């Protein structure tokens, strides 16, 4: 049952954590406390370790919580669950862009939009006063 709880808990984090890892910490804290997996002190320690190790904080934290609750299998399940929503979104966007890339009309429209965005950015840049040299 712990495996299912880890999967569903961190899947929820992956689905609803917008704004980066620091915005996800309260959601992770709520899930960890609702299941009674860790104490506040231990979770704070794991957050500090997650921030100081390389990689995304949310993934590191999911891995640490999964390891503490169910060993290596728990770490794999929690990590998989937290990255699954992003992975699915990337697959869908890639499929949509692949279909759109085959349409000459859409490619032309995208090219025209990028040209207009470039012209607008250049217009703004060219009218911006120069910054002082010390900046």
N, C-alpha and C. Protein backbone atom coordinates (compact mmCIF):
# COMPACT_ATOMS: atom_id res chain seq x y z
N UNK A 1 0.82 -1.20 0.00
CA UNK A 1 0.00 0.00 0.00
C UNK A 1 0.86 1.26 0.00
N UNK A 2 2.06 1.18 0.60
CA UNK A 2 2.93 2.35 0.65
C UNK A 2 3.34 2.77 -0.76
N UNK A 3 3.50 1.79 -1.65
CA UNK A 3 3.89 2.12 -3.02
C UNK A 3 2.81 2.93 -3.73
N UNK A 4 1.57 2.53 -3.55
CA UNK A 4 0.46 3.27 -4.16
C UNK A 4 0.34 4.67 -3.55
N UNK A 5 0.51 4.75 -2.23
CA UNK A 5 0.45 6.07 -1.57
C UNK A 5 1.57 6.99 -2.07
N UNK A 6 2.78 6.44 -2.21
CA UNK A 6 3.89 7.24 -2.73
C UNK A 6 3.60 7.70 -4.16
N UNK A 7 3.10 6.79 -4.98
CA UNK A 7 2.82 7.14 -6.37
C UNK A 7 1.75 8.22 -6.45
N UNK A 8 0.63 8.02 -5.78
CA UNK A 8 -0.47 8.99 -5.86
C UNK A 8 -0.10 10.33 -5.23
N UNK A 9 0.61 10.28 -4.11
CA UNK A 9 1.01 11.53 -3.45
C UNK A 9 1.93 12.36 -4.31
N UNK A 10 2.95 11.75 -4.87
CA UNK A 10 3.90 12.51 -5.68
C UNK A 10 3.39 12.77 -7.09
N UNK A 11 2.43 11.99 -7.56
CA UNK A 11 1.76 12.32 -8.82
C UNK A 11 0.97 13.61 -8.65
N UNK A 12 0.34 13.75 -7.49
CA UNK A 12 -0.39 14.98 -7.18
C UNK A 12 0.57 16.18 -7.16
N UNK A 13 1.74 15.99 -6.59
CA UNK A 13 2.74 17.07 -6.57
C UNK A 13 3.15 17.43 -7.99
N UNK A 14 3.41 16.42 -8.81
CA UNK A 14 3.81 16.67 -10.19
C UNK A 14 2.74 17.36 -11.01
N UNK A 15 1.48 17.07 -10.71
CA UNK A 15 0.37 17.67 -11.47
C UNK A 15 0.07 19.10 -11.05
N UNK A 16 0.18 19.39 -9.78
CA UNK A 16 -0.32 20.67 -9.27
C UNK A 16 0.75 21.62 -8.77
N UNK A 17 2.00 21.28 -8.89
CA UNK A 17 3.08 22.14 -8.40
C UNK A 17 3.52 23.08 -9.51
N UNK A 18 2.93 24.25 -9.57
CA UNK A 18 3.30 25.26 -10.55
C UNK A 18 4.11 26.34 -9.85
N UNK A 19 5.09 26.86 -10.53
CA UNK A 19 5.89 27.93 -9.96
C UNK A 19 7.24 27.47 -9.48
N UNK A 20 7.62 26.27 -9.80
CA UNK A 20 8.94 25.78 -9.42
C UNK A 20 8.92 24.97 -8.14
N UNK A 21 10.10 24.50 -7.79
CA UNK A 21 10.22 23.60 -6.65
C UNK A 21 9.89 24.27 -5.33
N UNK A 22 10.26 25.54 -5.19
CA UNK A 22 9.98 26.22 -3.92
C UNK A 22 8.48 26.39 -3.71
N UNK A 23 7.74 26.51 -4.78
CA UNK A 23 6.28 26.58 -4.66
C UNK A 23 5.69 25.21 -4.35
N UNK A 24 6.42 24.15 -4.67
CA UNK A 24 5.92 22.79 -4.43
C UNK A 24 6.17 22.32 -3.01
N UNK A 25 7.08 22.95 -2.30
CA UNK A 25 7.43 22.49 -0.96
C UNK A 25 6.22 22.45 -0.02
N UNK A 26 5.34 23.46 0.02
CA UNK A 26 4.16 23.35 0.89
C UNK A 26 3.24 22.18 0.51
N UNK A 27 3.11 21.91 -0.78
CA UNK A 27 2.29 20.78 -1.22
C UNK A 27 2.93 19.46 -0.79
N UNK A 28 4.24 19.35 -0.95
CA UNK A 28 4.94 18.14 -0.50
C UNK A 28 4.81 17.99 1.00
N UNK A 29 4.94 19.10 1.72
CA UNK A 29 4.81 19.07 3.18
C UNK A 29 3.42 18.57 3.60
N UNK A 30 2.37 19.07 2.93
CA UNK A 30 1.01 18.61 3.25
C UNK A 30 0.85 17.12 3.00
N UNK A 31 1.37 16.64 1.89
CA UNK A 31 1.23 15.22 1.56
C UNK A 31 2.02 14.36 2.54
N UNK A 32 3.25 14.77 2.83
CA UNK A 32 4.08 14.00 3.76
C UNK A 32 3.44 13.95 5.15
N UNK A 33 2.89 15.07 5.61
CA UNK A 33 2.26 15.09 6.93
C UNK A 33 0.93 14.35 6.95
N UNK A 34 0.18 14.41 5.85
CA UNK A 34 -1.11 13.72 5.82
C UNK A 34 -0.94 12.20 5.90
N UNK A 35 0.14 11.68 5.33
CA UNK A 35 0.42 10.25 5.42
C UNK A 35 1.24 9.90 6.66
N UNK A 36 1.77 10.91 7.34
CA UNK A 36 2.58 10.66 8.52
C UNK A 36 3.93 10.03 8.21
N UNK A 37 4.47 10.36 7.04
CA UNK A 37 5.72 9.73 6.62
C UNK A 37 6.93 10.26 7.38
N UNK A 38 6.98 11.57 7.63
CA UNK A 38 8.15 12.17 8.25
C UNK A 38 7.74 13.20 9.29
N UNK A 39 8.65 13.47 10.21
CA UNK A 39 8.43 14.56 11.16
C UNK A 39 8.80 15.88 10.48
N UNK A 40 8.41 16.97 11.10
CA UNK A 40 8.72 18.29 10.55
C UNK A 40 10.23 18.50 10.49
N UNK A 41 10.93 18.05 11.52
CA UNK A 41 12.38 18.21 11.56
C UNK A 41 13.06 17.42 10.45
N UNK A 42 12.61 16.19 10.25
CA UNK A 42 13.22 15.35 9.21
C UNK A 42 12.92 15.90 7.81
N UNK A 43 11.70 16.39 7.59
CA UNK A 43 11.36 16.96 6.29
C UNK A 43 12.19 18.22 6.02
N UNK A 44 12.37 19.04 7.04
CA UNK A 44 13.19 20.25 6.88
C UNK A 44 14.63 19.87 6.53
N UNK A 45 15.14 18.83 7.17
CA UNK A 45 16.48 18.34 6.86
C UNK A 45 16.56 17.85 5.42
N UNK A 46 15.54 17.12 4.96
CA UNK A 46 15.53 16.60 3.59
C UNK A 46 15.41 17.73 2.57
N UNK A 47 14.65 18.77 2.89
CA UNK A 47 14.56 19.93 1.99
C UNK A 47 15.93 20.60 1.86
N UNK A 48 16.63 20.74 2.98
CA UNK A 48 17.96 21.35 2.94
C UNK A 48 18.93 20.51 2.11
N UNK A 49 18.88 19.20 2.25
CA UNK A 49 19.74 18.32 1.46
C UNK A 49 19.35 18.41 -0.02
N UNK A 50 18.05 18.45 -0.31
CA UNK A 50 17.58 18.53 -1.70
C UNK A 50 18.05 19.81 -2.37
N UNK A 51 18.11 20.90 -1.61
CA UNK A 51 18.57 22.17 -2.17
C UNK A 51 20.06 22.16 -2.46
N UNK A 52 20.82 21.41 -1.68
CA UNK A 52 22.27 21.47 -1.83
C UNK A 52 22.83 20.40 -2.75
N UNK A 53 22.03 19.42 -3.15
CA UNK A 53 22.51 18.42 -4.10
C UNK A 53 22.15 18.83 -5.52
N UNK A 54 22.92 18.38 -6.50
CA UNK A 54 22.62 18.74 -7.89
C UNK A 54 21.30 18.14 -8.35
N UNK A 55 20.61 18.86 -9.20
CA UNK A 55 19.36 18.36 -9.76
C UNK A 55 18.17 19.15 -9.26
N UNK A 56 17.01 18.87 -9.84
CA UNK A 56 15.79 19.57 -9.43
C UNK A 56 15.41 19.22 -7.99
N UNK A 57 15.05 20.23 -7.23
CA UNK A 57 14.74 20.04 -5.82
C UNK A 57 13.54 19.11 -5.64
N UNK A 58 12.52 19.28 -6.47
CA UNK A 58 11.32 18.47 -6.34
C UNK A 58 11.63 16.99 -6.57
N UNK A 59 12.45 16.69 -7.56
CA UNK A 59 12.82 15.31 -7.86
C UNK A 59 13.69 14.76 -6.73
N UNK A 60 14.66 15.55 -6.27
CA UNK A 60 15.51 15.10 -5.17
C UNK A 60 14.69 14.81 -3.92
N UNK A 61 13.76 15.68 -3.61
CA UNK A 61 12.93 15.50 -2.42
C UNK A 61 12.05 14.27 -2.55
N UNK A 62 11.47 14.06 -3.72
CA UNK A 62 10.65 12.86 -3.94
C UNK A 62 11.50 11.61 -3.77
N UNK A 63 12.71 11.64 -4.29
CA UNK A 63 13.61 10.49 -4.16
C UNK A 63 13.95 10.23 -2.70
N UNK A 64 14.24 11.27 -1.95
CA UNK A 64 14.59 11.10 -0.54
C UNK A 64 13.41 10.57 0.27
N UNK A 65 12.23 11.13 0.05
CA UNK A 65 11.06 10.67 0.79
C UNK A 65 10.74 9.22 0.42
N UNK A 66 10.80 8.91 -0.87
CA UNK A 66 10.56 7.53 -1.31
C UNK A 66 11.54 6.55 -0.71
N UNK A 67 12.81 6.94 -0.65
CA UNK A 67 13.83 6.08 -0.05
C UNK A 67 13.58 5.88 1.44
N UNK A 68 13.20 6.93 2.12
CA UNK A 68 12.97 6.82 3.57
C UNK A 68 11.77 5.94 3.90
N UNK A 69 10.80 5.87 2.99
CA UNK A 69 9.58 5.12 3.28
C UNK A 69 9.60 3.70 2.72
N UNK A 70 10.23 3.48 1.56
CA UNK A 70 10.14 2.16 0.94
C UNK A 70 11.42 1.75 0.23
N UNK A 71 12.54 2.32 0.60
CA UNK A 71 13.81 1.90 0.02
C UNK A 71 13.96 2.34 -1.43
N UNK A 72 14.75 1.56 -2.16
CA UNK A 72 15.04 1.89 -3.56
C UNK A 72 13.78 1.87 -4.42
N UNK A 73 12.92 0.90 -4.21
CA UNK A 73 11.68 0.82 -5.00
C UNK A 73 10.81 2.05 -4.73
N UNK A 74 10.72 2.46 -3.49
CA UNK A 74 9.96 3.66 -3.15
C UNK A 74 10.55 4.90 -3.79
N UNK A 75 11.89 4.98 -3.83
CA UNK A 75 12.53 6.12 -4.47
C UNK A 75 12.21 6.16 -5.96
N UNK A 76 12.26 5.01 -6.60
CA UNK A 76 11.95 4.95 -8.04
C UNK A 76 10.49 5.32 -8.30
N UNK A 77 9.59 4.83 -7.47
CA UNK A 77 8.16 5.11 -7.66
C UNK A 77 7.87 6.60 -7.45
N UNK A 78 8.39 7.17 -6.37
CA UNK A 78 8.13 8.59 -6.08
C UNK A 78 8.74 9.49 -7.15
N UNK A 79 9.95 9.16 -7.59
CA UNK A 79 10.60 9.97 -8.63
C UNK A 79 9.84 9.87 -9.94
N UNK A 80 9.44 8.66 -10.31
CA UNK A 80 8.68 8.47 -11.54
C UNK A 80 7.36 9.24 -11.48
N UNK A 81 6.69 9.18 -10.34
CA UNK A 81 5.39 9.84 -10.20
C UNK A 81 5.51 11.36 -10.30
N UNK A 82 6.56 11.93 -9.76
CA UNK A 82 6.68 13.40 -9.76
C UNK A 82 7.06 13.93 -11.14
N UNK A 83 7.74 13.14 -11.97
CA UNK A 83 8.11 13.62 -13.30
C UNK A 83 7.13 13.18 -14.38
N UNK A 84 6.23 12.25 -14.08
CA UNK A 84 5.31 11.72 -15.09
C UNK A 84 4.42 12.79 -15.73
N UNK A 85 3.78 13.69 -14.99
CA UNK A 85 2.94 14.70 -15.65
C UNK A 85 3.71 15.58 -16.63
N UNK A 86 4.90 16.01 -16.26
CA UNK A 86 5.70 16.83 -17.17
C UNK A 86 6.09 16.05 -18.41
N UNK A 87 6.43 14.79 -18.23
CA UNK A 87 6.80 13.95 -19.36
C UNK A 87 5.64 13.79 -20.33
N UNK A 88 4.44 13.58 -19.81
CA UNK A 88 3.26 13.42 -20.67
C UNK A 88 2.98 14.72 -21.42
N UNK A 89 3.09 15.85 -20.74
CA UNK A 89 2.86 17.14 -21.40
C UNK A 89 3.88 17.36 -22.52
N UNK A 90 5.14 17.02 -22.28
CA UNK A 90 6.17 17.17 -23.31
C UNK A 90 5.86 16.28 -24.50
N UNK A 91 5.43 15.05 -24.25
CA UNK A 91 5.07 14.16 -25.36
C UNK A 91 3.92 14.72 -26.18
N UNK A 92 2.90 15.25 -25.51
CA UNK A 92 1.76 15.82 -26.23
C UNK A 92 2.15 17.04 -27.05
N UNK A 93 2.93 17.93 -26.47
CA UNK A 93 3.36 19.13 -27.19
C UNK A 93 4.23 18.74 -28.38
N UNK A 94 5.10 17.76 -28.20
CA UNK A 94 5.94 17.30 -29.31
C UNK A 94 5.10 16.74 -30.44
N UNK A 95 4.09 15.94 -30.10
CA UNK A 95 3.21 15.38 -31.13
C UNK A 95 2.45 16.48 -31.86
N UNK A 96 1.97 17.46 -31.12
CA UNK A 96 1.23 18.57 -31.75
C UNK A 96 2.16 19.38 -32.66
N UNK A 97 3.36 19.67 -32.19
CA UNK A 97 4.31 20.43 -33.01
C UNK A 97 4.74 19.65 -34.24
N UNK A 98 4.84 18.34 -34.11
CA UNK A 98 5.19 17.51 -35.26
C UNK A 98 4.12 17.60 -36.33
N UNK A 99 2.86 17.53 -35.91
CA UNK A 99 1.75 17.65 -36.87
C UNK A 99 1.71 19.05 -37.46
N UNK A 100 1.88 20.07 -36.63
CA UNK A 100 1.84 21.45 -37.12
C UNK A 100 3.02 21.76 -38.03
N UNK A 101 4.16 21.13 -37.80
CA UNK A 101 5.34 21.39 -38.61
C UNK A 101 5.21 20.88 -40.03
N UNK A 102 4.26 20.03 -40.27
CA UNK A 102 4.05 19.48 -41.61
C UNK A 102 3.11 20.33 -42.45
N UNK A 103 2.48 21.31 -41.83
CA UNK A 103 1.55 22.17 -42.54
C UNK A 103 2.27 23.43 -43.03
N UNK A 104 2.36 23.63 -44.35
CA UNK A 104 3.07 24.82 -44.86
C UNK A 104 2.44 26.13 -44.40
N UNK A 105 1.11 26.15 -44.26
CA UNK A 105 0.45 27.38 -43.82
C UNK A 105 0.84 27.73 -42.39
N UNK A 106 0.88 26.72 -41.52
CA UNK A 106 1.25 26.98 -40.12
C UNK A 106 2.71 27.39 -39.99
N UNK A 107 3.58 26.78 -40.79
CA UNK A 107 4.99 27.14 -40.76
C UNK A 107 5.16 28.59 -41.21
N UNK A 108 4.46 28.99 -42.26
CA UNK A 108 4.52 30.37 -42.74
C UNK A 108 4.00 31.34 -41.69
N UNK A 109 2.88 30.98 -41.06
CA UNK A 109 2.31 31.83 -40.01
C UNK A 109 3.28 31.98 -38.84
N UNK A 110 3.92 30.88 -38.43
CA UNK A 110 4.88 30.93 -37.33
C UNK A 110 6.07 31.80 -37.70
N UNK A 111 6.54 31.69 -38.93
CA UNK A 111 7.68 32.50 -39.37
C UNK A 111 7.32 33.99 -39.36
N UNK A 112 6.12 34.31 -39.83
CA UNK A 112 5.68 35.71 -39.84
C UNK A 112 5.55 36.25 -38.42
N UNK A 113 5.04 35.43 -37.51
CA UNK A 113 4.89 35.84 -36.11
C UNK A 113 6.26 36.10 -35.49
N UNK A 114 7.23 35.23 -35.76
CA UNK A 114 8.58 35.43 -35.22
C UNK A 114 9.22 36.69 -35.79
N UNK A 115 8.99 36.97 -37.07
CA UNK A 115 9.53 38.19 -37.66
C UNK A 115 8.93 39.43 -37.01
N UNK A 116 7.63 39.39 -36.74
CA UNK A 116 6.98 40.54 -36.09
C UNK A 116 7.50 40.71 -34.66
N UNK A 117 7.70 39.60 -33.95
CA UNK A 117 8.23 39.68 -32.59
C UNK A 117 9.65 40.25 -32.60
N UNK A 118 10.45 39.84 -33.57
CA UNK A 118 11.81 40.37 -33.69
C UNK A 118 11.78 41.87 -33.97
N UNK A 119 10.92 42.29 -34.89
CA UNK A 119 10.82 43.71 -35.21
C UNK A 119 10.36 44.53 -34.01
N UNK A 120 9.41 44.00 -33.25
CA UNK A 120 8.95 44.71 -32.05
C UNK A 120 10.06 44.82 -31.01
N UNK A 121 10.81 43.73 -30.82
CA UNK A 121 11.91 43.75 -29.85
C UNK A 121 12.99 44.73 -30.29
N UNK A 122 13.30 44.75 -31.59
CA UNK A 122 14.31 45.68 -32.10
C UNK A 122 13.85 47.13 -31.95
N UNK A 123 12.57 47.36 -32.18
CA UNK A 123 12.01 48.71 -32.03
C UNK A 123 12.15 49.18 -30.57
N UNK A 124 11.82 48.31 -29.64
CA UNK A 124 11.94 48.66 -28.22
C UNK A 124 13.40 48.89 -27.85
N UNK A 125 14.27 48.00 -28.31
CA UNK A 125 15.69 48.11 -27.99
C UNK A 125 16.30 49.39 -28.56
N UNK A 126 15.94 49.72 -29.80
CA UNK A 126 16.54 50.89 -30.43
C UNK A 126 16.07 52.20 -29.80
N UNK A 127 14.94 52.21 -29.14
CA UNK A 127 14.42 53.42 -28.51
C UNK A 127 14.76 53.51 -27.02
N UNK A 128 15.40 52.49 -26.48
CA UNK A 128 15.78 52.50 -25.08
C UNK A 128 17.05 53.31 -24.91
N UNK A 129 17.05 54.27 -23.98
CA UNK A 129 18.27 55.05 -23.78
C UNK A 129 19.39 54.15 -23.27
N UNK A 130 20.60 54.53 -23.61
CA UNK A 130 21.76 53.74 -23.20
C UNK A 130 21.90 53.78 -21.68
N UNK A 131 22.35 52.68 -21.14
CA UNK A 131 22.59 52.61 -19.70
C UNK A 131 23.92 53.27 -19.38
N UNK A 132 24.05 53.81 -18.19
CA UNK A 132 25.34 54.38 -17.81
C UNK A 132 26.42 53.30 -17.86
N UNK A 133 27.63 53.72 -18.06
CA UNK A 133 28.73 52.77 -18.23
C UNK A 133 28.98 51.94 -16.98
N UNK A 134 28.69 52.48 -15.82
CA UNK A 134 28.98 51.75 -14.59
C UNK A 134 28.01 50.60 -14.35
N UNK A 135 26.92 50.51 -15.10
CA UNK A 135 26.01 49.39 -14.96
C UNK A 135 26.47 48.31 -15.89
